[in-house]
Amino acid sequence: MIKDLIGIPYKAHGRDRLGMDCYGLVIEVLRRKGLTLLDVFYPDTSDETNIEILKILKEGISNTKVDNPEEGDVVEILVHSQPSHVGVCLGDGTFIYALRKVGVVIEPLSRYRHRIKGYYRVN
């Protein structure tokens, strides 16, 4: 369902196969599950802007904060002590996200265990 996304390059504001940012990837993965997230245009990729995107993600749609993530749950990660990065849990202790230097990858959630702010189930 998501294997074709692996390797797509990172691109700020990216929303297609030419490049995706972390929020664009979340939008696409959840779209494939039949869920629609509000997309926003943002003029830069500063931490402050990313915090606003996460606020929209958490407040602009119906969701529930969960303690035990399942496949399809959104994970929020702290970057420089601010919640400014998101990915999607795959249900096996891994998650998919867009990394600036590498592009779309799958990695263990345990790698970020000390920086995970929370998990959210989109309803």
PDB file of N, CA and C in Angstrom:
ATOM      1  N   MET A   1       0.818  -1.210   0.000  1.00  0.00           N
ATOM      2  CA  MET A   1       0.000   0.000   0.000  1.00  0.00           C
ATOM      3  C   MET A   1       0.855   1.266   0.000  1.00  0.00           C
ATOM      4  N   ILE A   2       2.065   1.192   0.583  1.00  0.00           N
ATOM      5  CA  ILE A   2       2.899   2.391   0.674  1.00  0.00           C
ATOM      6  C   ILE A   2       4.294   2.194   0.103  1.00  0.00           C
ATOM      7  N   LYS A   3       4.629   0.985  -0.282  1.00  0.00           N
ATOM      8  CA  LYS A   3       5.997   0.698  -0.736  1.00  0.00           C
ATOM      9  C   LYS A   3       6.421   1.572  -1.902  1.00  0.00           C
ATOM     10  N   ASP A   4       5.479   1.992  -2.733  1.00  0.00           N
ATOM     11  CA  ASP A   4       5.829   2.845  -3.870  1.00  0.00           C
ATOM     12  C   ASP A   4       6.251   4.249  -3.444  1.00  0.00           C
ATOM     13  N   LEU A   5       6.005   4.603  -2.187  1.00  0.00           N
ATOM     14  CA  LEU A   5       6.393   5.925  -1.691  1.00  0.00           C
ATOM     15  C   LEU A   5       7.860   5.969  -1.250  1.00  0.00           C
ATOM     16  N   ILE A   6       8.424   4.813  -0.911  1.00  0.00           N
ATOM     17  CA  ILE A   6       9.802   4.748  -0.425  1.00  0.00           C
ATOM     18  C   ILE A   6      10.743   5.293  -1.498  1.00  0.00           C
ATOM     19  N   GLY A   7      11.619   6.196  -1.075  1.00  0.00           N
ATOM     20  CA  GLY A   7      12.606   6.746  -1.993  1.00  0.00           C
ATOM     21  C   GLY A   7      12.195   8.034  -2.680  1.00  0.00           C
ATOM     22  N   ILE A   8      10.925   8.436  -2.549  1.00  0.00           N
ATOM     23  CA  ILE A   8      10.537   9.734  -3.112  1.00  0.00           C
ATOM     24  C   ILE A   8      11.389  10.793  -2.413  1.00  0.00           C
ATOM     25  N   PRO A   9      12.001  11.701  -3.148  1.00  0.00           N
ATOM     26  CA  PRO A   9      12.871  12.691  -2.505  1.00  0.00           C
ATOM     27  C   PRO A   9      12.090  13.675  -1.632  1.00  0.00           C
ATOM     28  N   TYR A  10      12.794  14.218  -0.659  1.00  0.00           N
ATOM     29  CA  TYR A  10      12.206  15.270   0.167  1.00  0.00           C
ATOM     30  C   TYR A  10      12.117  16.538  -0.672  1.00  0.00           C
ATOM     31  N   LYS A  11      10.992  17.228  -0.554  1.00  0.00           N
ATOM     32  CA  LYS A  11      10.820  18.519  -1.201  1.00  0.00           C
ATOM     33  C   LYS A  11       9.898  19.352  -0.322  1.00  0.00           C
ATOM     34  N   ALA A  12      10.377  20.513   0.110  1.00  0.00           N
ATOM     35  CA  ALA A  12       9.533  21.407   0.902  1.00  0.00           C
ATOM     36  C   ALA A  12       8.261  21.702   0.128  1.00  0.00           C
ATOM     37  N   HIS A  13       7.127  21.586   0.793  1.00  0.00           N
ATOM     38  CA  HIS A  13       5.803  21.813   0.200  1.00  0.00           C
ATOM     39  C   HIS A  13       5.427  20.729  -0.798  1.00  0.00           C
ATOM     40  N   GLY A  14       6.213  19.661  -0.907  1.00  0.00           N
ATOM     41  CA  GLY A  14       5.960  18.623  -1.900  1.00  0.00           C
ATOM     42  C   GLY A  14       4.735  17.792  -1.590  1.00  0.00           C
ATOM     43  N   ARG A  15       3.972  17.516  -2.638  1.00  0.00           N
ATOM     44  CA  ARG A  15       2.729  16.754  -2.486  1.00  0.00           C
ATOM     45  C   ARG A  15       2.556  15.709  -3.582  1.00  0.00           C
ATOM     46  N   ASP A  16       3.647  15.319  -4.255  1.00  0.00           N
ATOM     47  CA  ASP A  16       3.514  14.348  -5.340  1.00  0.00           C
ATOM     48  C   ASP A  16       4.787  13.512  -5.458  1.00  0.00           C
ATOM     49  N   ARG A  17       4.851  12.679  -6.468  1.00  0.00           N
ATOM     50  CA  ARG A  17       5.975  11.761  -6.646  1.00  0.00           C
ATOM     51  C   ARG A  17       7.300  12.478  -6.924  1.00  0.00           C
ATOM     52  N   LEU A  18       7.250  13.740  -7.310  1.00  0.00           N
ATOM     53  CA  LEU A  18       8.482  14.494  -7.549  1.00  0.00           C
ATOM     54  C   LEU A  18       9.157  14.894  -6.243  1.00  0.00           C
ATOM     55  N   GLY A  19       8.407  14.865  -5.154  1.00  0.00           N
ATOM     56  CA  GLY A  19       8.952  15.207  -3.850  1.00  0.00           C
ATOM     57  C   GLY A  19       7.849  15.453  -2.843  1.00  0.00           C
ATOM     58  N   MET A  20       8.132  15.095  -1.584  1.00  0.00           N
ATOM     59  CA  MET A  20       7.168  15.284  -0.501  1.00  0.00           C
ATOM     60  C   MET A  20       7.895  15.765   0.735  1.00  0.00           C
ATOM     61  N   ASP A  21       7.197  16.579   1.518  1.00  0.00           N
ATOM     62  CA  ASP A  21       7.676  16.875   2.854  1.00  0.00           C
ATOM     63  C   ASP A  21       6.923  15.959   3.823  1.00  0.00           C
ATOM     64  N   CYS A  22       7.205  16.061   5.118  1.00  0.00           N
ATOM     65  CA  CYS A  22       6.617  15.120   6.062  1.00  0.00           C
ATOM     66  C   CYS A  22       5.090  15.222   6.092  1.00  0.00           C
ATOM     67  N   TYR A  23       4.552  16.424   6.034  1.00  0.00           N
ATOM     68  CA  TYR A  23       3.103  16.583   6.087  1.00  0.00           C
ATOM     69  C   TYR A  23       2.462  16.108   4.781  1.00  0.00           C
ATOM     70  N   GLY A  24       3.110  16.360   3.667  1.00  0.00           N
ATOM     71  CA  GLY A  24       2.595  15.865   2.389  1.00  0.00           C
ATOM     72  C   GLY A  24       2.538  14.348   2.370  1.00  0.00           C
ATOM     73  N   LEU A  25       3.529  13.705   2.971  1.00  0.00           N
ATOM     74  CA  LEU A  25       3.534  12.252   3.048  1.00  0.00           C
ATOM     75  C   LEU A  25       2.383  11.753   3.924  1.00  0.00           C
ATOM     76  N   VAL A  26       2.170  12.403   5.061  1.00  0.00           N
ATOM     77  CA  VAL A  26       1.054  12.014   5.935  1.00  0.00           C
ATOM     78  C   VAL A  26      -0.268  12.151   5.185  1.00  0.00           C
ATOM     79  N   ILE A  27      -0.445  13.249   4.471  1.00  0.00           N
ATOM     80  CA  ILE A  27      -1.665  13.446   3.687  1.00  0.00           C
ATOM     81  C   ILE A  27      -1.859  12.292   2.710  1.00  0.00           C
ATOM     82  N   GLU A  28      -0.796  11.908   2.002  1.00  0.00           N
ATOM     83  CA  GLU A  28      -0.900  10.855   0.997  1.00  0.00           C
ATOM     84  C   GLU A  28      -1.174   9.488   1.617  1.00  0.00           C
ATOM     85  N   VAL A  29      -0.468   9.137   2.676  1.00  0.00           N
ATOM     86  CA  VAL A  29      -0.677   7.832   3.302  1.00  0.00           C
ATOM     87  C   VAL A  29      -2.105   7.712   3.830  1.00  0.00           C
ATOM     88  N   LEU A  30      -2.596   8.758   4.496  1.00  0.00           N
ATOM     89  CA  LEU A  30      -3.948   8.696   5.037  1.00  0.00           C
ATOM     90  C   LEU A  30      -4.994   8.756   3.925  1.00  0.00           C
ATOM     91  N   ARG A  31      -4.697   9.439   2.829  1.00  0.00           N
ATOM     92  CA  ARG A  31      -5.611   9.456   1.686  1.00  0.00           C
ATOM     93  C   ARG A  31      -5.829   8.038   1.168  1.00  0.00           C
ATOM     94  N   ARG A  32      -4.760   7.281   1.157  1.00  0.00           N
ATOM     95  CA  ARG A  32      -4.848   5.896   0.696  1.00  0.00           C
ATOM     96  C   ARG A  32      -5.671   5.027   1.641  1.00  0.00           C
ATOM     97  N   LYS A  33      -5.836   5.491   2.863  1.00  0.00           N
ATOM     98  CA  LYS A  33      -6.681   4.789   3.822  1.00  0.00           C
ATOM     99  C   LYS A  33      -8.110   5.339   3.812  1.00  0.00           C
ATOM    100  N   GLY A  34      -8.375   6.274   2.890  1.00  0.00           N
ATOM    101  CA  GLY A  34      -9.717   6.838   2.779  1.00  0.00           C
ATOM    102  C   GLY A  34      -9.977   8.031   3.673  1.00  0.00           C
ATOM    103  N   LEU A  35      -8.926   8.623   4.224  1.00  0.00           N
ATOM    104  CA  LEU A  35      -9.065   9.773   5.120  1.00  0.00           C
ATOM    105  C   LEU A  35      -8.519  11.027   4.434  1.00  0.00           C
ATOM    106  N   THR A  36      -9.182  12.134   4.649  1.00  0.00           N
ATOM    107  CA  THR A  36      -8.749  13.394   4.043  1.00  0.00           C
ATOM    108  C   THR A  36      -8.275  14.347   5.127  1.00  0.00           C
ATOM    109  N   LEU A  37      -7.057  14.838   4.980  1.00  0.00           N
ATOM    110  CA  LEU A  37      -6.519  15.848   5.887  1.00  0.00           C
ATOM    111  C   LEU A  37      -6.529  17.200   5.202  1.00  0.00           C
ATOM    112  N   LEU A  38      -6.737  18.228   5.977  1.00  0.00           N
ATOM    113  CA  LEU A  38      -6.659  19.587   5.482  1.00  0.00           C
ATOM    114  C   LEU A  38      -5.226  19.870   5.050  1.00  0.00           C
ATOM    115  N   ASP A  39      -5.057  20.378   3.851  1.00  0.00           N
ATOM    116  CA  ASP A  39      -3.744  20.776   3.395  1.00  0.00           C
ATOM    117  C   ASP A  39      -3.643  22.287   3.542  1.00  0.00           C
ATOM    118  N   VAL A  40      -2.453  22.756   3.759  1.00  0.00           N
ATOM    119  CA  VAL A  40      -2.238  24.186   3.936  1.00  0.00           C
ATOM    120  C   VAL A  40      -1.049  24.609   3.092  1.00  0.00           C
ATOM    121  N   PHE A  41      -1.057  25.851   2.676  1.00  0.00           N
ATOM    122  CA  PHE A  41       0.125  26.421   2.047  1.00  0.00           C
ATOM    123  C   PHE A  41       0.876  27.172   3.125  1.00  0.00           C
ATOM    124  N   TYR A  42       2.152  26.949   3.198  1.00  0.00           N
ATOM    125  CA  TYR A  42       2.957  27.676   4.155  1.00  0.00           C
ATOM    126  C   TYR A  42       4.177  28.234   3.424  1.00  0.00           C
ATOM    127  N   PRO A  43       4.530  29.471   3.714  1.00  0.00           N
ATOM    128  CA  PRO A  43       5.566  30.157   2.942  1.00  0.00           C
ATOM    129  C   PRO A  43       6.996  29.728   3.237  1.00  0.00           C
ATOM    130  N   ASP A  44       7.242  29.058   4.329  1.00  0.00           N
ATOM    131  CA  ASP A  44       8.600  28.612   4.646  1.00  0.00           C
ATOM    132  C   ASP A  44       8.514  27.309   5.421  1.00  0.00           C
ATOM    133  N   THR A  45       9.634  26.802   5.806  1.00  0.00           N
ATOM    134  CA  THR A  45       9.638  25.539   6.544  1.00  0.00           C
ATOM    135  C   THR A  45      10.247  25.718   7.932  1.00  0.00           C
ATOM    136  N   SER A  46      10.050  26.881   8.535  1.00  0.00           N
ATOM    137  CA  SER A  46      10.594  27.131   9.867  1.00  0.00           C
ATOM    138  C   SER A  46       9.868  26.273  10.896  1.00  0.00           C
ATOM    139  N   ASP A  47      10.490  26.081  12.042  1.00  0.00           N
ATOM    140  CA  ASP A  47       9.854  25.317  13.110  1.00  0.00           C
ATOM    141  C   ASP A  47       8.532  25.944  13.528  1.00  0.00           C
ATOM    142  N   GLU A  48       8.467  27.271  13.554  1.00  0.00           N
ATOM    143  CA  GLU A  48       7.234  27.948  13.946  1.00  0.00           C
ATOM    144  C   GLU A  48       6.094  27.608  12.980  1.00  0.00           C
ATOM    145  N   THR A  49       6.394  27.583  11.703  1.00  0.00           N
ATOM    146  CA  THR A  49       5.389  27.236  10.704  1.00  0.00           C
ATOM    147  C   THR A  49       4.981  25.779  10.848  1.00  0.00           C
ATOM    148  N   ASN A  50       5.948  24.909  11.046  1.00  0.00           N
ATOM    149  CA  ASN A  50       5.631  23.502  11.215  1.00  0.00           C
ATOM    150  C   ASN A  50       4.770  23.263  12.449  1.00  0.00           C
ATOM    151  N   ILE A  51       4.984  24.024  13.503  1.00  0.00           N
ATOM    152  CA  ILE A  51       4.144  23.919  14.694  1.00  0.00           C
ATOM    153  C   ILE A  51       2.707  24.299  14.350  1.00  0.00           C
ATOM    154  N   GLU A  52       2.521  25.309  13.521  1.00  0.00           N
ATOM    155  CA  GLU A  52       1.175  25.691  13.095  1.00  0.00           C
ATOM    156  C   GLU A  52       0.522  24.585  12.275  1.00  0.00           C
ATOM    157  N   ILE A  53       1.292  23.919  11.429  1.00  0.00           N
ATOM    158  CA  ILE A  53       0.752  22.799  10.653  1.00  0.00           C
ATOM    159  C   ILE A  53       0.311  21.685  11.589  1.00  0.00           C
ATOM    160  N   LEU A  54       1.126  21.376  12.600  1.00  0.00           N
ATOM    161  CA  LEU A  54       0.745  20.338  13.546  1.00  0.00           C
ATOM    162  C   LEU A  54      -0.508  20.735  14.319  1.00  0.00           C
ATOM    163  N   LYS A  55      -0.648  22.019  14.608  1.00  0.00           N
ATOM    164  CA  LYS A  55      -1.855  22.495  15.297  1.00  0.00           C
ATOM    165  C   LYS A  55      -3.080  22.248  14.414  1.00  0.00           C
ATOM    166  N   ILE A  56      -2.959  22.525  13.133  1.00  0.00           N
ATOM    167  CA  ILE A  56      -4.058  22.254  12.202  1.00  0.00           C
ATOM    168  C   ILE A  56      -4.343  20.758  12.170  1.00  0.00           C
ATOM    169  N   LEU A  57      -3.282  19.959  12.121  1.00  0.00           N
ATOM    170  CA  LEU A  57      -3.448  18.512  12.099  1.00  0.00           C
ATOM    171  C   LEU A  57      -4.216  18.046  13.333  1.00  0.00           C
ATOM    172  N   LYS A  58      -3.871  18.585  14.489  1.00  0.00           N
ATOM    173  CA  LYS A  58      -4.498  18.127  15.725  1.00  0.00           C
ATOM    174  C   LYS A  58      -5.871  18.747  15.964  1.00  0.00           C
ATOM    175  N   GLU A  59      -6.093  19.967  15.524  1.00  0.00           N
ATOM    176  CA  GLU A  59      -7.345  20.653  15.820  1.00  0.00           C
ATOM    177  C   GLU A  59      -8.286  20.749  14.631  1.00  0.00           C
ATOM    178  N   GLY A  60      -7.755  20.615  13.425  1.00  0.00           N
ATOM    179  CA  GLY A  60      -8.564  20.807  12.235  1.00  0.00           C
ATOM    180  C   GLY A  60      -9.297  19.569  11.761  1.00  0.00           C
ATOM    181  N   ILE A  61      -9.016  18.442  12.380  1.00  0.00           N
ATOM    182  CA  ILE A  61      -9.694  17.201  12.019  1.00  0.00           C
ATOM    183  C   ILE A  61     -10.071  16.473  13.294  1.00  0.00           C
ATOM    184  N   SER A  62     -10.950  15.516  13.160  1.00  0.00           N
ATOM    185  CA  SER A  62     -11.346  14.709  14.302  1.00  0.00           C
ATOM    186  C   SER A  62     -10.279  13.658  14.551  1.00  0.00           C
ATOM    187  N   ASN A  63      -9.675  13.687  15.722  1.00  0.00           N
ATOM    188  CA  ASN A  63      -8.655  12.710  16.040  1.00  0.00           C
ATOM    189  C   ASN A  63      -8.633  12.446  17.531  1.00  0.00           C
ATOM    190  N   THR A  64      -7.942  11.408  17.913  1.00  0.00           N
ATOM    191  CA  THR A  64      -7.837  11.016  19.299  1.00  0.00           C
ATOM    192  C   THR A  64      -6.380  10.736  19.613  1.00  0.00           C
ATOM    193  N   LYS A  65      -5.882  11.295  20.715  1.00  0.00           N
ATOM    194  CA  LYS A  65      -4.528  10.978  21.138  1.00  0.00           C
ATOM    195  C   LYS A  65      -4.549   9.575  21.728  1.00  0.00           C
ATOM    196  N   VAL A  66      -3.573   8.747  21.335  1.00  0.00           N
ATOM    197  CA  VAL A  66      -3.518   7.363  21.801  1.00  0.00           C
ATOM    198  C   VAL A  66      -2.155   7.059  22.400  1.00  0.00           C
ATOM    199  N   ASP A  67      -2.126   6.078  23.294  1.00  0.00           N
ATOM    200  CA  ASP A  67      -0.871   5.673  23.928  1.00  0.00           C
ATOM    201  C   ASP A  67      -0.182   4.535  23.188  1.00  0.00           C
ATOM    202  N   ASN A  68      -0.972   3.674  22.586  1.00  0.00           N
ATOM    203  CA  ASN A  68      -0.423   2.518  21.883  1.00  0.00           C
ATOM    204  C   ASN A  68      -0.733   2.650  20.396  1.00  0.00           C
ATOM    205  N   PRO A  69       0.241   3.091  19.619  1.00  0.00           N
ATOM    206  CA  PRO A  69      -0.036   3.355  18.210  1.00  0.00           C
ATOM    207  C   PRO A  69      -0.334   2.089  17.415  1.00  0.00           C
ATOM    208  N   GLU A  70      -1.206   2.262  16.442  1.00  0.00           N
ATOM    209  CA  GLU A  70      -1.551   1.203  15.507  1.00  0.00           C
ATOM    210  C   GLU A  70      -1.247   1.690  14.097  1.00  0.00           C
ATOM    211  N   GLU A  71      -1.354   0.783  13.148  1.00  0.00           N
ATOM    212  CA  GLU A  71      -1.135   1.150  11.753  1.00  0.00           C
ATOM    213  C   GLU A  71      -2.043   2.305  11.363  1.00  0.00           C
ATOM    214  N   GLY A  72      -1.471   3.339  10.753  1.00  0.00           N
ATOM    215  CA  GLY A  72      -2.233   4.498  10.297  1.00  0.00           C
ATOM    216  C   GLY A  72      -2.277   5.652  11.268  1.00  0.00           C
ATOM    217  N   ASP A  73      -1.794   5.454  12.492  1.00  0.00           N
ATOM    218  CA  ASP A  73      -1.763   6.555  13.455  1.00  0.00           C
ATOM    219  C   ASP A  73      -0.632   7.520  13.094  1.00  0.00           C
ATOM    220  N   VAL A  74      -0.874   8.794  13.343  1.00  0.00           N
ATOM    221  CA  VAL A  74       0.121   9.832  13.070  1.00  0.00           C
ATOM    222  C   VAL A  74       1.018   9.975  14.294  1.00  0.00           C
ATOM    223  N   VAL A  75       2.318  10.014  14.072  1.00  0.00           N
ATOM    224  CA  VAL A  75       3.274  10.223  15.157  1.00  0.00           C
ATOM    225  C   VAL A  75       3.840  11.631  15.029  1.00  0.00           C
ATOM    226  N   GLU A  76       3.888  12.315  16.145  1.00  0.00           N
ATOM    227  CA  GLU A  76       4.415  13.685  16.218  1.00  0.00           C
ATOM    228  C   GLU A  76       5.768  13.635  16.931  1.00  0.00           C
ATOM    229  N   ILE A  77       6.781  14.227  16.302  1.00  0.00           N
ATOM    230  CA  ILE A  77       8.153  14.139  16.808  1.00  0.00           C
ATOM    231  C   ILE A  77       8.695  15.537  17.091  1.00  0.00           C
ATOM    232  N   LEU A  78       9.425  15.637  18.189  1.00  0.00           N
ATOM    233  CA  LEU A  78      10.078  16.893  18.553  1.00  0.00           C
ATOM    234  C   LEU A  78      11.366  17.058  17.758  1.00  0.00           C
ATOM    235  N   VAL A  79      11.551  18.233  17.198  1.00  0.00           N
ATOM    236  CA  VAL A  79      12.796  18.599  16.535  1.00  0.00           C
ATOM    237  C   VAL A  79      13.228  19.914  17.163  1.00  0.00           C
ATOM    238  N   HIS A  80      14.427  19.951  17.709  1.00  0.00           N
ATOM    239  CA  HIS A  80      14.919  21.146  18.411  1.00  0.00           C
ATOM    240  C   HIS A  80      13.940  21.570  19.500  1.00  0.00           C
ATOM    241  N   SER A  81      13.462  20.592  20.270  1.00  0.00           N
ATOM    242  CA  SER A  81      12.547  20.794  21.404  1.00  0.00           C
ATOM    243  C   SER A  81      11.173  21.318  21.024  1.00  0.00           C
ATOM    244  N   GLN A  82      10.841  21.323  19.751  1.00  0.00           N
ATOM    245  CA  GLN A  82       9.518  21.766  19.293  1.00  0.00           C
ATOM    246  C   GLN A  82       8.871  20.629  18.499  1.00  0.00           C
ATOM    247  N   PRO A  83       7.548  20.416  18.665  1.00  0.00           N
ATOM    248  CA  PRO A  83       6.877  19.399  17.847  1.00  0.00           C
ATOM    249  C   PRO A  83       6.745  19.899  16.416  1.00  0.00           C
ATOM    250  N   SER A  84       7.599  19.396  15.535  1.00  0.00           N
ATOM    251  CA  SER A  84       7.591  19.960  14.185  1.00  0.00           C
ATOM    252  C   SER A  84       7.824  18.920  13.093  1.00  0.00           C
ATOM    253  N   HIS A  85       7.571  17.657  13.404  1.00  0.00           N
ATOM    254  CA  HIS A  85       7.781  16.621  12.406  1.00  0.00           C
ATOM    255  C   HIS A  85       6.716  15.552  12.600  1.00  0.00           C
ATOM    256  N   VAL A  86       6.213  14.993  11.499  1.00  0.00           N
ATOM    257  CA  VAL A  86       5.184  13.959  11.581  1.00  0.00           C
ATOM    258  C   VAL A  86       5.504  12.806  10.641  1.00  0.00           C
ATOM    259  N   GLY A  87       4.947  11.658  10.974  1.00  0.00           N
ATOM    260  CA  GLY A  87       5.037  10.468  10.145  1.00  0.00           C
ATOM    261  C   GLY A  87       3.812   9.619  10.413  1.00  0.00           C
ATOM    262  N   VAL A  88       3.764   8.444   9.810  1.00  0.00           N
ATOM    263  CA  VAL A  88       2.624   7.545   9.983  1.00  0.00           C
ATOM    264  C   VAL A  88       3.130   6.189  10.465  1.00  0.00           C
ATOM    265  N   CYS A  89       2.535   5.703  11.555  1.00  0.00           N
ATOM    266  CA  CYS A  89       2.891   4.401  12.112  1.00  0.00           C
ATOM    267  C   CYS A  89       2.449   3.286  11.175  1.00  0.00           C
ATOM    268  N   LEU A  90       3.275   2.247  11.098  1.00  0.00           N
ATOM    269  CA  LEU A  90       2.968   1.124  10.225  1.00  0.00           C
ATOM    270  C   LEU A  90       2.487  -0.106  10.991  1.00  0.00           C
ATOM    271  N   GLY A  91       2.412  -0.011  12.311  1.00  0.00           N
ATOM    272  CA  GLY A  91       1.821  -1.075  13.102  1.00  0.00           C
ATOM    273  C   GLY A  91       2.772  -2.174  13.520  1.00  0.00           C
ATOM    274  N   ASP A  92       4.006  -2.121  13.089  1.00  0.00           N
ATOM    275  CA  ASP A  92       4.977  -3.158  13.438  1.00  0.00           C
ATOM    276  C   ASP A  92       6.196  -2.572  14.157  1.00  0.00           C
ATOM    277  N   GLY A  93       5.981  -1.420  14.811  1.00  0.00           N
ATOM    278  CA  GLY A  93       7.089  -0.754  15.493  1.00  0.00           C
ATOM    279  C   GLY A  93       7.894   0.148  14.587  1.00  0.00           C
ATOM    280  N   THR A  94       7.414   0.346  13.352  1.00  0.00           N
ATOM    281  CA  THR A  94       8.088   1.241  12.410  1.00  0.00           C
ATOM    282  C   THR A  94       7.135   2.351  11.995  1.00  0.00           C
ATOM    283  N   PHE A  95       7.692   3.343  11.322  1.00  0.00           N
ATOM    284  CA  PHE A  95       6.876   4.415  10.757  1.00  0.00           C
ATOM    285  C   PHE A  95       7.492   4.899   9.464  1.00  0.00           C
ATOM    286  N   ILE A  96       6.675   5.524   8.646  1.00  0.00           N
ATOM    287  CA  ILE A  96       7.119   6.087   7.380  1.00  0.00           C
ATOM    288  C   ILE A  96       7.111   7.598   7.524  1.00  0.00           C
ATOM    289  N   TYR A  97       8.154   8.231   7.025  1.00  0.00           N
ATOM    290  CA  TYR A  97       8.231   9.695   7.085  1.00  0.00           C
ATOM    291  C   TYR A  97       9.192  10.197   6.031  1.00  0.00           C
ATOM    292  N   ALA A  98       9.156  11.486   5.810  1.00  0.00           N
ATOM    293  CA  ALA A  98      10.034  12.119   4.821  1.00  0.00           C
ATOM    294  C   ALA A  98      11.167  12.829   5.556  1.00  0.00           C
ATOM    295  N   LEU A  99      12.363  12.405   5.263  1.00  0.00           N
ATOM    296  CA  LEU A  99      13.563  12.938   5.898  1.00  0.00           C
ATOM    297  C   LEU A  99      14.273  13.843   4.899  1.00  0.00           C
ATOM    298  N   ARG A 100      14.633  15.029   5.314  1.00  0.00           N
ATOM    299  CA  ARG A 100      15.187  16.032   4.391  1.00  0.00           C
ATOM    300  C   ARG A 100      16.346  15.522   3.536  1.00  0.00           C
ATOM    301  N   LYS A 101      17.287  14.861   4.120  1.00  0.00           N
ATOM    302  CA  LYS A 101      18.480  14.471   3.367  1.00  0.00           C
ATOM    303  C   LYS A 101      18.325  13.161   2.596  1.00  0.00           C
ATOM    304  N   VAL A 102      17.296  12.374   2.919  1.00  0.00           N
ATOM    305  CA  VAL A 102      17.175  11.039   2.347  1.00  0.00           C
ATOM    306  C   VAL A 102      15.901  10.866   1.523  1.00  0.00           C
ATOM    307  N   GLY A 103      14.835  11.545   1.905  1.00  0.00           N
ATOM    308  CA  GLY A 103      13.537  11.352   1.265  1.00  0.00           C
ATOM    309  C   GLY A 103      12.662  10.459   2.117  1.00  0.00           C
ATOM    310  N   VAL A 104      11.720   9.785   1.488  1.00  0.00           N
ATOM    311  CA  VAL A 104      10.757   8.954   2.212  1.00  0.00           C
ATOM    312  C   VAL A 104      11.414   7.631   2.601  1.00  0.00           C
ATOM    313  N   VAL A 105      11.359   7.341   3.911  1.00  0.00           N
ATOM    314  CA  VAL A 105      11.971   6.139   4.450  1.00  0.00           C
ATOM    315  C   VAL A 105      11.056   5.504   5.496  1.00  0.00           C
ATOM    316  N   ILE A 106      11.365   4.261   5.829  1.00  0.00           N
ATOM    317  CA  ILE A 106      10.726   3.574   6.944  1.00  0.00           C
ATOM    318  C   ILE A 106      11.809   3.297   7.969  1.00  0.00           C
ATOM    319  N   GLU A 107      11.520   3.645   9.231  1.00  0.00           N
ATOM    320  CA  GLU A 107      12.492   3.418  10.299  1.00  0.00           C
ATOM    321  C   GLU A 107      11.768   2.966  11.564  1.00  0.00           C
ATOM    322  N   PRO A 108      12.510   2.386  12.496  1.00  0.00           N
ATOM    323  CA  PRO A 108      11.904   1.984  13.767  1.00  0.00           C
ATOM    324  C   PRO A 108      11.499   3.203  14.600  1.00  0.00           C
ATOM    325  N   LEU A 109      10.335   3.130  15.213  1.00  0.00           N
ATOM    326  CA  LEU A 109       9.911   4.201  16.118  1.00  0.00           C
ATOM    327  C   LEU A 109      10.880   4.334  17.285  1.00  0.00           C
ATOM    328  N   SER A 110      11.501   3.240  17.677  1.00  0.00           N
ATOM    329  CA  SER A 110      12.419   3.248  18.818  1.00  0.00           C
ATOM    330  C   SER A 110      13.580   4.218  18.608  1.00  0.00           C
ATOM    331  N   ARG A 111      13.923   4.477  17.369  1.00  0.00           N
ATOM    332  CA  ARG A 111      15.016   5.422  17.086  1.00  0.00           C
ATOM    333  C   ARG A 111      14.685   6.821  17.612  1.00  0.00           C
ATOM    334  N   TYR A 112      13.401   7.143  17.690  1.00  0.00           N
ATOM    335  CA  TYR A 112      12.960   8.478  18.115  1.00  0.00           C
ATOM    336  C   TYR A 112      12.232   8.452  19.455  1.00  0.00           C
ATOM    337  N   ARG A 113      12.327   7.353  20.205  1.00  0.00           N
ATOM    338  CA  ARG A 113      11.509   7.179  21.407  1.00  0.00           C
ATOM    339  C   ARG A 113      11.600   8.342  22.388  1.00  0.00           C
ATOM    340  N   HIS A 114      12.738   9.006  22.493  1.00  0.00           N
ATOM    341  CA  HIS A 114      12.889  10.113  23.438  1.00  0.00           C
ATOM    342  C   HIS A 114      12.386  11.435  22.874  1.00  0.00           C
ATOM    343  N   ARG A 115      12.047  11.456  21.583  1.00  0.00           N
ATOM    344  CA  ARG A 115      11.586  12.695  20.954  1.00  0.00           C
ATOM    345  C   ARG A 115      10.128  12.616  20.494  1.00  0.00           C
ATOM    346  N   ILE A 116       9.456  11.511  20.764  1.00  0.00           N
ATOM    347  CA  ILE A 116       8.059  11.385  20.339  1.00  0.00           C
ATOM    348  C   ILE A 116       7.175  12.198  21.277  1.00  0.00           C
ATOM    349  N   LYS A 117       6.432  13.108  20.688  1.00  0.00           N
ATOM    350  CA  LYS A 117       5.518  13.970  21.440  1.00  0.00           C
ATOM    351  C   LYS A 117       4.180  13.275  21.669  1.00  0.00           C
ATOM    352  N   GLY A 118       3.713  12.523  20.668  1.00  0.00           N
ATOM    353  CA  GLY A 118       2.443  11.830  20.827  1.00  0.00           C
ATOM    354  C   GLY A 118       2.035  11.097  19.567  1.00  0.00           C
ATOM    355  N   TYR A 119       0.996  10.286  19.725  1.00  0.00           N
ATOM    356  CA  TYR A 119       0.406   9.548  18.613  1.00  0.00           C
ATOM    357  C   TYR A 119      -1.058   9.963  18.508  1.00  0.00           C
ATOM    358  N   TYR A 120      -1.549  10.070  17.273  1.00  0.00           N
ATOM    359  CA  TYR A 120      -2.918  10.521  17.031  1.00  0.00           C
ATOM    360  C   TYR A 120      -3.601   9.624  16.025  1.00  0.00           C
ATOM    361  N   ARG A 121      -4.803   9.205  16.371  1.00  0.00           N
ATOM    362  CA  ARG A 121      -5.619   8.396  15.471  1.00  0.00           C
ATOM    363  C   ARG A 121      -6.628   9.313  14.806  1.00  0.00           C
ATOM    364  N   VAL A 122      -6.561   9.382  13.485  1.00  0.00           N
ATOM    365  CA  VAL A 122      -7.484  10.214  12.718  1.00  0.00           C
ATOM    366  C   VAL A 122      -8.796   9.460  12.568  1.00  0.00           C
ATOM    367  N   ASN A 123      -9.889  10.100  12.963  1.00  0.00           N
ATOM    368  CA  ASN A 123     -11.210   9.467  12.907  1.00  0.00           C
ATOM    369  C   ASN A 123     -11.937   9.844  11.642  1.00  0.00           C
TER     370      ASN A 123
END
